[in-house]
């Protein structure tokens, strides 16, 4: 008995889908033939609710993202970012999962993914391999998984936000004493301001991570317009 008012700015396909849902709910009201309504987490099928079309493909096709008049922009004009976060092992999916996730996120209208807490743990939850000659190495399999995930996201029009320091702690194997440190030093947050050796380790990682060439893209991360932004350090206060 009420009225359904659709916002005039919404795309017509969203208005039509919403009307269809309202009509379906009205038709089933009081009926005995109800059924479970499940939205799968890997759905990328073409439908009236697919929002992938507005994003340029691949991400970076319109040039590097930059700031213009206080807003994100590319060569095509103002860029609006609608993003999600991935953390820990979710940054390194297997190839088949990377393909499904990228396509599904594109259908939902997502056009950016923030890669977070990739540096907190050793593989398989993080990017780190063993410590060799006092220097922590990157795990090749994790880097390959990350490369392919980025490749799939970019080809579906999804940009990346790469974080450099989130949860990495320098270790005793690298020559740093950890015993007795207060909880406030967790993740080596403010330590980076005062400990030059820890800062040097971060710079080593930044060089290894950002100058690495993604073989699926044929580009180093520093040269890839699909990388929209880079966070140097997270919550470092």
C-alpha atoms as a PDB file:
ATOM      1  CA  UNK A   1       0.000   0.000   0.000  1.00  0.00           C
ATOM      2  CA  UNK A   2       3.016   2.296   0.141  1.00  0.00           C
ATOM      3  CA  UNK A   3       4.972   4.033  -2.572  1.00  0.00           C
ATOM      4  CA  UNK A   4       8.402   3.154  -3.958  1.00  0.00           C
ATOM      5  CA  UNK A   5      10.396   6.257  -4.863  1.00  0.00           C
ATOM      6  CA  UNK A   6      13.530   5.727  -6.975  1.00  0.00           C
ATOM      7  CA  UNK A   7      16.345   8.255  -6.817  1.00  0.00           C
ATOM      8  CA  UNK A   8      16.567   9.957 -10.252  1.00  0.00           C
ATOM      9  CA  UNK A   9      20.392   9.835 -10.294  1.00  0.00           C
ATOM     10  CA  UNK A  10      20.601   6.043 -10.026  1.00  0.00           C
ATOM     11  CA  UNK A  11      21.366   4.213 -13.291  1.00  0.00           C
ATOM     12  CA  UNK A  12      18.222   2.902 -14.982  1.00  0.00           C
ATOM     13  CA  UNK A  13      19.301  -0.732 -14.662  1.00  0.00           C
ATOM     14  CA  UNK A  14      19.566  -0.349 -10.868  1.00  0.00           C
ATOM     15  CA  UNK A  15      16.098   1.248 -10.764  1.00  0.00           C
ATOM     16  CA  UNK A  16      14.682  -1.582 -12.849  1.00  0.00           C
ATOM     17  CA  UNK A  17      16.328  -4.225 -10.646  1.00  0.00           C
ATOM     18  CA  UNK A  18      14.976  -2.582  -7.495  1.00  0.00           C
ATOM     19  CA  UNK A  19      11.458  -2.464  -8.953  1.00  0.00           C
ATOM     20  CA  UNK A  20      11.751  -6.154  -9.855  1.00  0.00           C
ATOM     21  CA  UNK A  21      12.728  -7.014  -6.288  1.00  0.00           C
ATOM     22  CA  UNK A  22       9.804  -5.017  -4.870  1.00  0.00           C
ATOM     23  CA  UNK A  23       7.338  -6.692  -7.240  1.00  0.00           C
ATOM     24  CA  UNK A  24       8.728 -10.131  -6.459  1.00  0.00           C
ATOM     25  CA  UNK A  25       8.427  -9.517  -2.725  1.00  0.00           C
ATOM     26  CA  UNK A  26       4.828  -8.357  -3.185  1.00  0.00           C
ATOM     27  CA  UNK A  27       3.960 -11.434  -5.261  1.00  0.00           C
ATOM     28  CA  UNK A  28       5.403 -13.826  -2.675  1.00  0.00           C
ATOM     29  CA  UNK A  29       3.801 -12.130   0.335  1.00  0.00           C
ATOM     30  CA  UNK A  30       1.763 -14.678   2.204  1.00  0.00           C
ATOM     31  CA  UNK A  31       2.664 -17.443  -0.240  1.00  0.00           C
ATOM     32  CA  UNK A  32       3.858 -20.888   0.819  1.00  0.00           C
ATOM     33  CA  UNK A  33       6.332 -21.322  -2.035  1.00  0.00           C
ATOM     34  CA  UNK A  34       9.167 -19.239  -0.593  1.00  0.00           C
ATOM     35  CA  UNK A  35      12.753 -20.298  -1.267  1.00  0.00           C
ATOM     36  CA  UNK A  36      16.268 -19.402   0.013  1.00  0.00           C
ATOM     37  CA  UNK A  37      17.808 -16.410  -1.744  1.00  0.00           C
ATOM     38  CA  UNK A  38      21.573 -16.873  -1.844  1.00  0.00           C
ATOM     39  CA  UNK A  39      24.053 -14.427  -3.401  1.00  0.00           C
ATOM     40  CA  UNK A  40      27.193 -16.425  -4.300  1.00  0.00           C
ATOM     41  CA  UNK A  41      30.572 -14.955  -3.436  1.00  0.00           C
ATOM     42  CA  UNK A  42      32.094 -15.667  -6.851  1.00  0.00           C
ATOM     43  CA  UNK A  43      29.276 -14.629  -9.180  1.00  0.00           C
ATOM     44  CA  UNK A  44      30.331 -12.685 -12.278  1.00  0.00           C
ATOM     45  CA  UNK A  45      27.457 -13.595 -14.600  1.00  0.00           C
ATOM     46  CA  UNK A  46      26.053 -10.907 -16.899  1.00  0.00           C
ATOM     47  CA  UNK A  47      22.877  -9.531 -15.350  1.00  0.00           C
ATOM     48  CA  UNK A  48      20.914  -6.357 -14.833  1.00  0.00           C
ATOM     49  CA  UNK A  49      22.845  -5.767 -11.589  1.00  0.00           C
ATOM     50  CA  UNK A  50      26.323  -6.045 -13.159  1.00  0.00           C
ATOM     51  CA  UNK A  51      28.155  -2.768 -12.482  1.00  0.00           C
ATOM     52  CA  UNK A  52      31.450  -3.560 -14.216  1.00  0.00           C
ATOM     53  CA  UNK A  53      30.786  -1.507 -17.346  1.00  0.00           C
ATOM     54  CA  UNK A  54      31.650   2.013 -16.049  1.00  0.00           C
ATOM     55  CA  UNK A  55      35.262   1.057 -15.179  1.00  0.00           C
ATOM     56  CA  UNK A  56      37.921   1.536 -17.853  1.00  0.00           C
ATOM     57  CA  UNK A  57      39.673  -1.689 -18.802  1.00  0.00           C
ATOM     58  CA  UNK A  58      42.371  -2.380 -18.027  1.00  0.00           C
ATOM     59  CA  UNK A  59      42.923  -0.230 -14.968  1.00  0.00           C
ATOM     60  CA  UNK A  60      45.473   2.369 -15.978  1.00  0.00           C
ATOM     61  CA  UNK A  61      44.244   2.620 -19.558  1.00  0.00           C
ATOM     62  CA  UNK A  62      43.543   6.309 -18.874  1.00  0.00           C
ATOM     63  CA  UNK A  63      47.013   6.997 -17.483  1.00  0.00           C
ATOM     64  CA  UNK A  64      48.346   7.242 -13.947  1.00  0.00           C
ATOM     65  CA  UNK A  65      46.056   8.300 -11.131  1.00  0.00           C
ATOM     66  CA  UNK A  66      47.017  11.684  -9.689  1.00  0.00           C
ATOM     67  CA  UNK A  67      45.571  14.552  -7.680  1.00  0.00           C
ATOM     68  CA  UNK A  68      43.913  17.382  -9.574  1.00  0.00           C
ATOM     69  CA  UNK A  69      42.205  20.204  -7.660  1.00  0.00           C
ATOM     70  CA  UNK A  70      42.168  18.062  -4.535  1.00  0.00           C
ATOM     71  CA  UNK A  71      40.517  15.063  -6.201  1.00  0.00           C
ATOM     72  CA  UNK A  72      41.641  11.829  -7.803  1.00  0.00           C
ATOM     73  CA  UNK A  73      41.883  12.062 -11.579  1.00  0.00           C
ATOM     74  CA  UNK A  74      43.248  10.293 -14.643  1.00  0.00           C
ATOM     75  CA  UNK A  75      43.684  11.474 -18.222  1.00  0.00           C
ATOM     76  CA  UNK A  76      39.962  10.801 -18.694  1.00  0.00           C
ATOM     77  CA  UNK A  77      38.976  13.212 -15.905  1.00  0.00           C
ATOM     78  CA  UNK A  78      37.840  12.866 -12.304  1.00  0.00           C
ATOM     79  CA  UNK A  79      38.123   9.369 -10.848  1.00  0.00           C
ATOM     80  CA  UNK A  80      35.788   8.115  -8.137  1.00  0.00           C
ATOM     81  CA  UNK A  81      37.174   5.195  -6.163  1.00  0.00           C
ATOM     82  CA  UNK A  82      34.970   2.534  -4.554  1.00  0.00           C
ATOM     83  CA  UNK A  83      37.284   0.067  -2.900  1.00  0.00           C
ATOM     84  CA  UNK A  84      37.694  -2.854  -0.532  1.00  0.00           C
ATOM     85  CA  UNK A  85      40.490  -4.203   1.671  1.00  0.00           C
ATOM     86  CA  UNK A  86      42.316  -7.529   1.476  1.00  0.00           C
ATOM     87  CA  UNK A  87      44.444  -8.694   4.415  1.00  0.00           C
ATOM     88  CA  UNK A  88      47.014 -11.389   5.196  1.00  0.00           C
ATOM     89  CA  UNK A  89      46.587 -14.529   3.042  1.00  0.00           C
ATOM     90  CA  UNK A  90      43.768 -12.967   1.009  1.00  0.00           C
ATOM     91  CA  UNK A  91      46.444 -10.919  -0.769  1.00  0.00           C
ATOM     92  CA  UNK A  92      47.897 -14.097  -2.259  1.00  0.00           C
ATOM     93  CA  UNK A  93      45.081 -16.211  -3.733  1.00  0.00           C
ATOM     94  CA  UNK A  94      45.645 -19.171  -5.996  1.00  0.00           C
ATOM     95  CA  UNK A  95      45.235 -18.377  -9.686  1.00  0.00           C
ATOM     96  CA  UNK A  96      41.734 -19.828 -10.046  1.00  0.00           C
ATOM     97  CA  UNK A  97      40.533 -17.864  -7.011  1.00  0.00           C
ATOM     98  CA  UNK A  98      42.203 -14.661  -8.219  1.00  0.00           C
ATOM     99  CA  UNK A  99      40.220 -14.879 -11.461  1.00  0.00           C
ATOM    100  CA  UNK A 100      36.916 -15.428  -9.656  1.00  0.00           C
ATOM    101  CA  UNK A 101      37.490 -12.710  -7.060  1.00  0.00           C
ATOM    102  CA  UNK A 102      38.506 -10.102  -9.628  1.00  0.00           C
ATOM    103  CA  UNK A 103      35.489 -10.779 -11.828  1.00  0.00           C
ATOM    104  CA  UNK A 104      33.103 -10.790  -8.869  1.00  0.00           C
ATOM    105  CA  UNK A 105      34.438  -7.525  -7.447  1.00  0.00           C
ATOM    106  CA  UNK A 106      34.106  -5.904 -10.866  1.00  0.00           C
ATOM    107  CA  UNK A 107      30.472  -6.999 -11.056  1.00  0.00           C
ATOM    108  CA  UNK A 108      29.842  -5.368  -7.673  1.00  0.00           C
ATOM    109  CA  UNK A 109      31.194  -2.058  -9.001  1.00  0.00           C
ATOM    110  CA  UNK A 110      34.450  -2.181  -7.025  1.00  0.00           C
ATOM    111  CA  UNK A 111      37.276  -0.365  -8.825  1.00  0.00           C
ATOM    112  CA  UNK A 112      40.090  -0.506  -6.231  1.00  0.00           C
ATOM    113  CA  UNK A 113      41.629  -3.002  -3.804  1.00  0.00           C
ATOM    114  CA  UNK A 114      43.876  -2.034  -0.892  1.00  0.00           C
ATOM    115  CA  UNK A 115      46.562  -4.616  -0.134  1.00  0.00           C
ATOM    116  CA  UNK A 116      46.933  -4.585   3.639  1.00  0.00           C
ATOM    117  CA  UNK A 117      48.904  -6.619   6.207  1.00  0.00           C
ATOM    118  CA  UNK A 118      50.825  -8.403   3.466  1.00  0.00           C
ATOM    119  CA  UNK A 119      54.037  -7.773   5.434  1.00  0.00           C
ATOM    120  CA  UNK A 120      52.923  -8.888   8.903  1.00  0.00           C
ATOM    121  CA  UNK A 121      53.510 -12.625   8.596  1.00  0.00           C
ATOM    122  CA  UNK A 122      55.684 -15.162   6.862  1.00  0.00           C
ATOM    123  CA  UNK A 123      54.261 -17.190   3.985  1.00  0.00           C
ATOM    124  CA  UNK A 124      51.571 -18.381   3.442  1.00  0.00           C
ATOM    125  CA  UNK A 125      49.824 -15.547   5.358  1.00  0.00           C
ATOM    126  CA  UNK A 126      52.363 -12.960   4.275  1.00  0.00           C
ATOM    127  CA  UNK A 127      55.041 -12.100   1.758  1.00  0.00           C
ATOM    128  CA  UNK A 128      58.122 -13.113   3.764  1.00  0.00           C
ATOM    129  CA  UNK A 129      60.461 -15.992   3.057  1.00  0.00           C
ATOM    130  CA  UNK A 130      63.456 -17.019   5.202  1.00  0.00           C
ATOM    131  CA  UNK A 131      66.176 -14.727   6.566  1.00  0.00           C
ATOM    132  CA  UNK A 132      69.332 -15.160   4.472  1.00  0.00           C
ATOM    133  CA  UNK A 133      72.636 -13.636   5.637  1.00  0.00           C
ATOM    134  CA  UNK A 134      70.779 -11.406   8.078  1.00  0.00           C
ATOM    135  CA  UNK A 135      68.315 -10.118   5.473  1.00  0.00           C
ATOM    136  CA  UNK A 136      64.675 -11.123   5.229  1.00  0.00           C
ATOM    137  CA  UNK A 137      63.741 -12.338   1.755  1.00  0.00           C
ATOM    138  CA  UNK A 138      60.501 -12.277  -0.210  1.00  0.00           C
ATOM    139  CA  UNK A 139      58.847 -15.631  -0.861  1.00  0.00           C
ATOM    140  CA  UNK A 140      58.793 -16.168  -4.679  1.00  0.00           C
ATOM    141  CA  UNK A 141      55.497 -18.086  -4.684  1.00  0.00           C
ATOM    142  CA  UNK A 142      53.771 -15.302  -2.758  1.00  0.00           C
ATOM    143  CA  UNK A 143      55.103 -12.675  -5.141  1.00  0.00           C
ATOM    144  CA  UNK A 144      53.868 -14.708  -8.121  1.00  0.00           C
ATOM    145  CA  UNK A 145      50.409 -15.066  -6.577  1.00  0.00           C
ATOM    146  CA  UNK A 146      50.296 -11.346  -5.861  1.00  0.00           C
ATOM    147  CA  UNK A 147      51.414 -10.559  -9.416  1.00  0.00           C
ATOM    148  CA  UNK A 148      48.683 -12.701 -10.949  1.00  0.00           C
ATOM    149  CA  UNK A 149      46.025 -11.291  -8.616  1.00  0.00           C
ATOM    150  CA  UNK A 150      47.033  -7.750  -9.572  1.00  0.00           C
ATOM    151  CA  UNK A 151      46.974  -8.738 -13.234  1.00  0.00           C
ATOM    152  CA  UNK A 152      43.435 -10.097 -12.928  1.00  0.00           C
ATOM    153  CA  UNK A 153      42.209  -7.070 -10.982  1.00  0.00           C
ATOM    154  CA  UNK A 154      43.710  -4.622 -13.476  1.00  0.00           C
ATOM    155  CA  UNK A 155      42.264  -6.395 -16.518  1.00  0.00           C
ATOM    156  CA  UNK A 156      38.828  -6.068 -14.891  1.00  0.00           C
ATOM    157  CA  UNK A 157      39.314  -2.328 -14.379  1.00  0.00           C
ATOM    158  CA  UNK A 158      40.289  -2.501 -10.705  1.00  0.00           C
ATOM    159  CA  UNK A 159      43.141  -0.338  -9.394  1.00  0.00           C
ATOM    160  CA  UNK A 160      45.474  -1.261  -6.531  1.00  0.00           C
ATOM    161  CA  UNK A 161      46.502   0.578  -3.381  1.00  0.00           C
ATOM    162  CA  UNK A 162      49.780  -0.955  -2.146  1.00  0.00           C
ATOM    163  CA  UNK A 163      50.806  -0.587   1.501  1.00  0.00           C
ATOM    164  CA  UNK A 164      54.522  -0.657   2.290  1.00  0.00           C
ATOM    165  CA  UNK A 165      54.718  -0.849   6.077  1.00  0.00           C
ATOM    166  CA  UNK A 166      51.756  -2.228   8.003  1.00  0.00           C
ATOM    167  CA  UNK A 167      52.750  -4.989  10.407  1.00  0.00           C
ATOM    168  CA  UNK A 168      56.344  -5.928   9.639  1.00  0.00           C
ATOM    169  CA  UNK A 169      58.593  -6.282  12.679  1.00  0.00           C
ATOM    170  CA  UNK A 170      62.338  -6.617  12.335  1.00  0.00           C
ATOM    171  CA  UNK A 171      63.464  -9.917  13.857  1.00  0.00           C
ATOM    172  CA  UNK A 172      66.264 -11.252  16.004  1.00  0.00           C
ATOM    173  CA  UNK A 173      67.438 -13.247  12.978  1.00  0.00           C
ATOM    174  CA  UNK A 174      68.052  -9.877  11.327  1.00  0.00           C
ATOM    175  CA  UNK A 175      70.092  -8.688  14.306  1.00  0.00           C
ATOM    176  CA  UNK A 176      67.408  -6.855  16.315  1.00  0.00           C
ATOM    177  CA  UNK A 177      66.744  -7.542  19.993  1.00  0.00           C
ATOM    178  CA  UNK A 178      63.004  -8.028  20.615  1.00  0.00           C
ATOM    179  CA  UNK A 179      62.981  -9.287  24.180  1.00  0.00           C
ATOM    180  CA  UNK A 180      61.451  -6.933  26.713  1.00  0.00           C
ATOM    181  CA  UNK A 181      60.086  -4.407  24.226  1.00  0.00           C
ATOM    182  CA  UNK A 182      56.817  -2.749  25.336  1.00  0.00           C
ATOM    183  CA  UNK A 183      53.548  -3.500  23.539  1.00  0.00           C
ATOM    184  CA  UNK A 184      53.595   0.017  22.107  1.00  0.00           C
ATOM    185  CA  UNK A 185      56.410  -1.048  19.795  1.00  0.00           C
ATOM    186  CA  UNK A 186      54.213  -3.700  18.169  1.00  0.00           C
ATOM    187  CA  UNK A 187      54.563  -3.677  14.390  1.00  0.00           C
ATOM    188  CA  UNK A 188      57.581  -1.360  14.797  1.00  0.00           C
ATOM    189  CA  UNK A 189      55.412   1.680  14.307  1.00  0.00           C
ATOM    190  CA  UNK A 190      57.240   4.653  15.824  1.00  0.00           C
ATOM    191  CA  UNK A 191      60.516   2.682  15.871  1.00  0.00           C
ATOM    192  CA  UNK A 192      61.029   3.641  12.242  1.00  0.00           C
ATOM    193  CA  UNK A 193      61.432   7.294  13.252  1.00  0.00           C
ATOM    194  CA  UNK A 194      64.283   6.582  15.646  1.00  0.00           C
ATOM    195  CA  UNK A 195      66.057   3.405  14.554  1.00  0.00           C
ATOM    196  CA  UNK A 196      68.085   3.938  11.352  1.00  0.00           C
ATOM    197  CA  UNK A 197      68.757   0.205  10.877  1.00  0.00           C
ATOM    198  CA  UNK A 198      65.028  -0.578  10.956  1.00  0.00           C
ATOM    199  CA  UNK A 199      64.422   2.252   8.494  1.00  0.00           C
ATOM    200  CA  UNK A 200      67.122   0.825   6.220  1.00  0.00           C
ATOM    201  CA  UNK A 201      65.347  -2.553   6.274  1.00  0.00           C
ATOM    202  CA  UNK A 202      62.091  -0.895   5.221  1.00  0.00           C
ATOM    203  CA  UNK A 203      63.853   0.859   2.353  1.00  0.00           C
ATOM    204  CA  UNK A 204      65.307  -2.478   1.220  1.00  0.00           C
ATOM    205  CA  UNK A 205      61.828  -3.953   1.143  1.00  0.00           C
ATOM    206  CA  UNK A 206      60.428  -0.949  -0.737  1.00  0.00           C
ATOM    207  CA  UNK A 207      63.085  -1.318  -3.436  1.00  0.00           C
ATOM    208  CA  UNK A 208      62.549  -5.079  -3.760  1.00  0.00           C
ATOM    209  CA  UNK A 209      58.763  -4.759  -3.741  1.00  0.00           C
ATOM    210  CA  UNK A 210      58.260  -1.736  -5.985  1.00  0.00           C
ATOM    211  CA  UNK A 211      61.015  -2.360  -8.534  1.00  0.00           C
ATOM    212  CA  UNK A 212      59.866  -5.931  -9.061  1.00  0.00           C
ATOM    213  CA  UNK A 213      58.508  -6.553 -12.568  1.00  0.00           C
ATOM    214  CA  UNK A 214      55.140  -8.245 -12.809  1.00  0.00           C
ATOM    215  CA  UNK A 215      55.674 -10.696 -15.665  1.00  0.00           C
ATOM    216  CA  UNK A 216      51.935 -10.837 -16.359  1.00  0.00           C
ATOM    217  CA  UNK A 217      51.899  -7.089 -16.899  1.00  0.00           C
ATOM    218  CA  UNK A 218      55.418  -6.657 -18.273  1.00  0.00           C
ATOM    219  CA  UNK A 219      55.816  -3.681 -15.939  1.00  0.00           C
ATOM    220  CA  UNK A 220      57.578  -2.846 -12.702  1.00  0.00           C
ATOM    221  CA  UNK A 221      55.186  -1.727 -10.006  1.00  0.00           C
ATOM    222  CA  UNK A 222      56.719   1.761 -10.157  1.00  0.00           C
ATOM    223  CA  UNK A 223      55.830   1.937 -13.869  1.00  0.00           C
ATOM    224  CA  UNK A 224      52.354   0.390 -13.677  1.00  0.00           C
ATOM    225  CA  UNK A 225      49.411   2.825 -14.012  1.00  0.00           C
ATOM    226  CA  UNK A 226      47.181   0.125 -12.529  1.00  0.00           C
ATOM    227  CA  UNK A 227      48.750   0.972  -9.166  1.00  0.00           C
ATOM    228  CA  UNK A 228      46.627   3.954  -8.130  1.00  0.00           C
ATOM    229  CA  UNK A 229      48.373   4.804  -4.874  1.00  0.00           C
ATOM    230  CA  UNK A 230      51.001   3.684  -2.381  1.00  0.00           C
ATOM    231  CA  UNK A 231      50.851   4.069   1.402  1.00  0.00           C
ATOM    232  CA  UNK A 232      54.338   4.466   2.846  1.00  0.00           C
ATOM    233  CA  UNK A 233      53.390   3.511   6.395  1.00  0.00           C
ATOM    234  CA  UNK A 234      50.076   2.741   8.073  1.00  0.00           C
ATOM    235  CA  UNK A 235      48.883   4.257  11.399  1.00  0.00           C
ATOM    236  CA  UNK A 236      52.476   5.148  12.286  1.00  0.00           C
ATOM    237  CA  UNK A 237      51.841   7.442  15.244  1.00  0.00           C
END
